Amino acid sequence: MFNRKKPAPNSKMRHLITKLNPRSPISEQYRTIRTNLQFSSVDEPLHSILITSAGAAAGKSITAANLAVVYAQQEKRTLLIDADLRKPTVHYTFRLDNLRGLSNVLIGDSTLEGAISKSDVDHLDILSCGPIPPNPSELLASKRMEEVLKHAKQLYDFVIFDTPPALAVTDAKILANIVDGSLVVVRSGNTNMEEAERTVEIMRDSKARLLGAVLNDRTKDNSNYYYYYGA
């Protein structure tokens, strides 16, 4: 049903703290984000969310990956989809090839099941970007994308989309109209207030709920680690 995991040669190694050190303070903050998301949706349970940021280098992709891990650690069948069809990174994070993925499914070149890869984290599967298409926004706005999400929600308890920065392209706003909620990542010392406010306005202008923000890389007082906070 699923592709076997194939380590990508010379892939960029990315740090999955929730997998490597689940007892660390940072891992606990990711679990706090998960809990906050669950409490924010008592009346309307979340089955799908997207994660975006204002600009590049805010940490949205690694936030999406670590959040996917903590959902899987709760024994929820979790699917992480790399919907950044411009600069994908999820396959690097999980050491997978990117020969087949979301783009193949959207053009009808593969079934969803045929494009999904198993990760080395129990209960967590990955749908990488696949070959980078010339028309990312058009693919994400297609009826086929809605059908893919509907099918994914039948297979999984929770679906997480990693999307491009909201101020750079329209992709995140497009997907926000079909997922249950959106989460914005801002980085201390990197994202300025004006960028953050513009991103919030963009996401609030979509049909999906803006669930909150994650503050990334803020140094906690009297400690030597960084922490993440889910609003």
Protein backbone atom coordinates (compact mmCIF):
# COMPACT_ATOMS: atom_id res chain seq x y z
CA MET A 1 0.00 0.00 0.00
CA PHE A 2 2.74 2.45 0.95
CA ASN A 3 6.23 3.10 -0.43
CA ARG A 4 9.13 1.88 1.62
CA LYS A 5 11.30 4.49 3.26
CA LYS A 6 14.41 5.15 1.17
CA PRO A 7 17.16 7.28 2.69
CA ALA A 8 18.04 10.09 0.34
CA PRO A 9 21.77 10.22 -0.37
CA ASN A 10 23.49 13.45 0.65
CA SER A 11 20.21 14.74 2.10
CA LYS A 12 20.20 17.76 4.38
CA MET A 13 19.87 16.56 7.95
CA ARG A 14 17.28 18.40 9.99
CA HIS A 15 16.78 18.16 13.72
CA LEU A 16 13.65 16.36 14.93
CA ILE A 17 13.90 17.02 18.65
CA THR A 18 10.57 15.34 19.45
CA LYS A 19 11.86 12.09 17.95
CA LEU A 20 15.45 12.19 19.22
CA ASN A 21 14.76 13.59 22.69
CA PRO A 22 11.04 13.35 23.52
CA ARG A 23 11.67 14.26 27.18
CA SER A 24 13.37 17.58 26.41
CA PRO A 25 11.77 20.93 27.36
CA ILE A 26 11.37 21.80 23.69
CA SER A 27 9.54 18.54 23.00
CA GLU A 28 7.25 19.37 25.91
CA GLN A 29 6.44 22.70 24.27
CA TYR A 30 5.39 20.89 21.10
CA ARG A 31 3.09 18.74 23.19
CA THR A 32 1.73 21.96 24.69
CA ILE A 33 0.93 23.20 21.18
CA ARG A 34 -0.85 19.91 20.47
CA THR A 35 -2.88 20.24 23.67
CA ASN A 36 -3.77 23.85 22.92
CA LEU A 37 -4.99 22.86 19.46
CA GLN A 38 -7.15 20.14 20.96
CA PHE A 39 -8.69 22.55 23.48
CA SER A 40 -9.31 25.13 20.75
CA SER A 41 -11.55 22.71 18.86
CA VAL A 42 -13.87 21.15 21.45
CA ASP A 43 -17.02 21.90 19.46
CA GLU A 44 -15.44 21.39 16.03
CA PRO A 45 -12.75 18.69 16.21
CA LEU A 46 -9.68 19.30 14.06
CA HIS A 47 -8.78 16.71 11.47
CA SER A 48 -6.58 18.87 9.25
CA ILE A 49 -4.44 21.96 9.72
CA LEU A 50 -1.87 23.89 7.76
CA ILE A 51 1.24 25.54 9.06
CA THR A 52 2.65 28.64 7.41
CA SER A 53 4.77 31.70 8.24
CA ALA A 54 5.21 35.27 7.08
CA GLY A 55 8.52 34.73 5.34
CA ALA A 56 11.39 32.30 4.96
CA ALA A 57 13.54 30.97 7.82
CA ALA A 58 10.83 31.24 10.46
CA GLY A 59 10.95 27.52 11.22
CA LYS A 60 7.53 26.54 9.86
CA SER A 61 8.68 23.28 8.25
CA ILE A 62 10.51 21.96 11.29
CA THR A 63 7.55 23.04 13.43
CA ALA A 64 5.20 21.08 11.15
CA ALA A 65 7.45 18.02 11.32
CA ASN A 66 7.82 18.05 15.11
CA LEU A 67 4.11 18.67 15.61
CA ALA A 68 3.37 15.70 13.35
CA VAL A 69 5.66 13.55 15.50
CA VAL A 70 3.93 14.47 18.78
CA TYR A 71 0.52 13.72 17.26
CA ALA A 72 1.83 10.33 16.14
CA GLN A 73 3.30 9.73 19.60
CA GLN A 74 -0.27 10.08 20.87
CA GLU A 75 -1.01 7.06 18.65
CA LYS A 76 -3.04 9.12 16.21
CA ARG A 77 -2.71 8.02 12.60
CA THR A 78 -0.97 11.12 11.26
CA LEU A 79 -0.12 12.24 7.73
CA LEU A 80 2.33 15.07 7.10
CA ILE A 81 1.93 16.55 3.61
CA ASP A 82 4.62 18.72 2.05
CA ALA A 83 2.45 21.24 0.22
CA ASP A 84 5.38 23.56 -0.39
CA LEU A 85 5.55 22.77 -4.09
CA ARG A 86 8.27 25.39 -4.58
CA LYS A 87 10.92 24.68 -1.93
CA PRO A 88 10.06 21.33 -0.32
CA THR A 89 12.01 20.13 2.72
CA VAL A 90 9.96 17.39 4.38
CA HIS A 91 11.76 14.63 2.48
CA TYR A 92 15.07 15.94 3.81
CA THR A 93 13.77 15.93 7.36
CA PHE A 94 12.63 12.32 7.21
CA ARG A 95 15.39 11.11 4.88
CA LEU A 96 13.08 10.09 2.06
CA ASP A 97 13.40 10.35 -1.69
CA ASN A 98 11.16 12.84 -3.48
CA LEU A 99 10.53 10.91 -6.68
CA ARG A 100 6.80 10.66 -6.08
CA GLY A 101 4.53 12.79 -3.94
CA LEU A 102 1.69 15.31 -3.82
CA SER A 103 2.29 16.72 -7.29
CA ASN A 104 1.98 13.24 -8.82
CA VAL A 105 -1.31 12.66 -7.01
CA LEU A 106 -2.73 16.01 -8.10
CA ILE A 107 -2.05 15.40 -11.80
CA GLY A 108 -3.42 11.85 -11.61
CA ASP A 109 -0.04 10.17 -12.07
CA SER A 110 -0.36 8.28 -8.75
CA THR A 111 -2.92 7.30 -6.18
CA LEU A 112 -2.67 8.82 -2.73
CA GLU A 113 -1.76 5.45 -1.21
CA GLY A 114 0.88 4.89 -3.87
CA ALA A 115 2.61 8.20 -3.16
CA ILE A 116 2.67 7.96 0.66
CA SER A 117 5.87 6.87 2.42
CA LYS A 118 6.14 5.41 5.90
CA SER A 119 8.40 7.29 8.30
CA ASP A 120 10.50 5.71 11.04
CA VAL A 121 8.07 7.16 13.60
CA ASP A 122 5.19 4.87 14.54
CA HIS A 123 1.77 6.08 13.29
CA LEU A 124 3.34 8.81 11.10
CA ASP A 125 3.29 8.70 7.29
CA ILE A 126 4.65 11.26 4.85
CA LEU A 127 3.41 12.61 1.54
CA SER A 128 6.38 14.47 0.12
CA CYS A 129 6.12 17.20 -2.51
CA GLY A 130 7.10 15.08 -5.51
CA PRO A 131 8.53 16.67 -8.67
CA ILE A 132 8.23 20.45 -8.48
CA PRO A 133 5.46 21.54 -10.90
CA PRO A 134 5.39 24.73 -12.99
CA ASN A 135 1.95 25.71 -11.64
CA PRO A 136 1.83 25.10 -7.84
CA SER A 137 -1.01 27.49 -7.04
CA GLU A 138 -3.25 26.07 -9.76
CA LEU A 139 -2.70 22.51 -8.54
CA LEU A 140 -3.45 23.40 -4.92
CA ALA A 141 -6.60 25.29 -5.93
CA SER A 142 -7.93 22.37 -7.99
CA LYS A 143 -10.91 20.19 -7.17
CA ARG A 144 -8.48 17.30 -7.13
CA MET A 145 -6.77 18.80 -4.05
CA GLU A 146 -10.08 18.83 -2.20
CA GLU A 147 -10.62 15.19 -3.14
CA VAL A 148 -7.12 14.25 -1.96
CA LEU A 149 -7.72 15.87 1.41
CA LYS A 150 -11.10 14.18 1.78
CA HIS A 151 -9.52 10.81 1.07
CA ALA A 152 -6.60 11.49 3.43
CA LYS A 153 -9.03 12.27 6.27
CA GLN A 154 -10.65 8.88 5.70
CA LEU A 155 -7.27 7.16 6.11
CA TYR A 156 -5.83 9.25 8.96
CA ASP A 157 -6.90 10.81 12.24
CA PHE A 158 -4.91 13.99 11.63
CA VAL A 159 -3.47 15.64 8.52
CA ILE A 160 -0.84 18.40 8.67
CA PHE A 161 0.13 20.53 5.67
CA ASP A 162 3.49 22.30 5.47
CA THR A 163 2.85 25.28 3.17
CA PRO A 164 4.96 28.12 1.73
CA PRO A 165 5.22 31.49 3.51
CA ALA A 166 1.94 33.38 3.25
CA LEU A 167 3.47 36.71 2.22
CA ALA A 168 5.45 35.18 -0.63
CA VAL A 169 2.73 33.30 -2.55
CA THR A 170 -1.00 32.55 -2.30
CA ASP A 171 -0.62 28.80 -1.68
CA ALA A 172 -1.24 28.90 2.08
CA LYS A 173 -4.38 31.01 1.68
CA ILE A 174 -5.68 28.64 -0.99
CA LEU A 175 -5.27 25.60 1.25
CA ALA A 176 -6.65 27.46 4.26
CA ASN A 177 -10.02 27.36 2.54
CA ILE A 178 -10.22 23.56 2.69
CA VAL A 179 -8.49 22.62 5.97
CA ASP A 180 -10.03 22.87 9.44
CA GLY A 181 -7.59 25.46 10.77
CA SER A 182 -4.35 27.37 10.26
CA LEU A 183 -1.30 27.95 12.44
CA VAL A 184 1.23 30.72 11.82
CA VAL A 185 4.88 30.42 12.85
CA VAL A 186 6.79 33.59 13.71
CA ARG A 187 10.46 33.70 14.64
CA SER A 188 11.83 35.93 17.36
CA GLY A 189 14.32 38.41 15.91
CA ASN A 190 13.37 37.42 12.35
CA THR A 191 9.67 38.18 11.78
CA ASN A 192 8.78 41.83 12.33
CA MET A 193 5.42 42.95 13.67
CA GLU A 194 4.17 44.33 10.35
CA GLU A 195 4.89 41.03 8.59
CA ALA A 196 3.16 39.07 11.33
CA GLU A 197 0.07 41.31 11.22
CA ARG A 198 -0.16 41.07 7.41
CA THR A 199 0.10 37.28 7.61
CA VAL A 200 -2.68 37.12 10.19
CA GLU A 201 -4.89 39.31 7.98
CA ILE A 202 -4.27 37.05 4.99
CA MET A 203 -5.13 33.90 6.92
CA ARG A 204 -8.19 35.44 8.58
CA ASP A 205 -9.45 36.35 5.13
CA SER A 206 -9.79 32.63 4.32
CA LYS A 207 -12.64 30.30 5.27
CA ALA A 208 -10.58 28.27 7.74
CA ARG A 209 -10.09 29.30 11.34
CA LEU A 210 -6.84 30.93 12.38
CA LEU A 211 -5.99 28.79 15.40
CA GLY A 212 -3.07 30.80 16.73
CA ALA A 213 0.65 31.37 16.39
CA VAL A 214 3.85 29.62 17.37
CA LEU A 215 6.69 31.80 18.62
CA ASN A 216 9.93 30.20 17.57
CA ASP A 217 13.47 30.72 18.90
CA ARG A 218 12.70 32.95 21.84
CA THR A 219 15.28 32.41 24.57
CA LYS A 220 13.77 31.51 27.90
CA ASP A 221 15.11 33.50 30.86
CA ASN A 222 17.70 31.80 33.06
CA SER A 223 18.09 28.84 30.76
CA ASN A 224 20.16 27.69 27.84
CA TYR A 225 17.41 26.29 25.62
CA TYR A 226 14.91 27.75 23.22
CA TYR A 227 11.23 27.16 23.53
CA TYR A 228 8.15 27.23 21.41
CA TYR A 229 4.80 28.61 22.49
CA GLY A 230 1.45 27.80 20.96
CA ALA A 231 -1.22 30.47 21.26
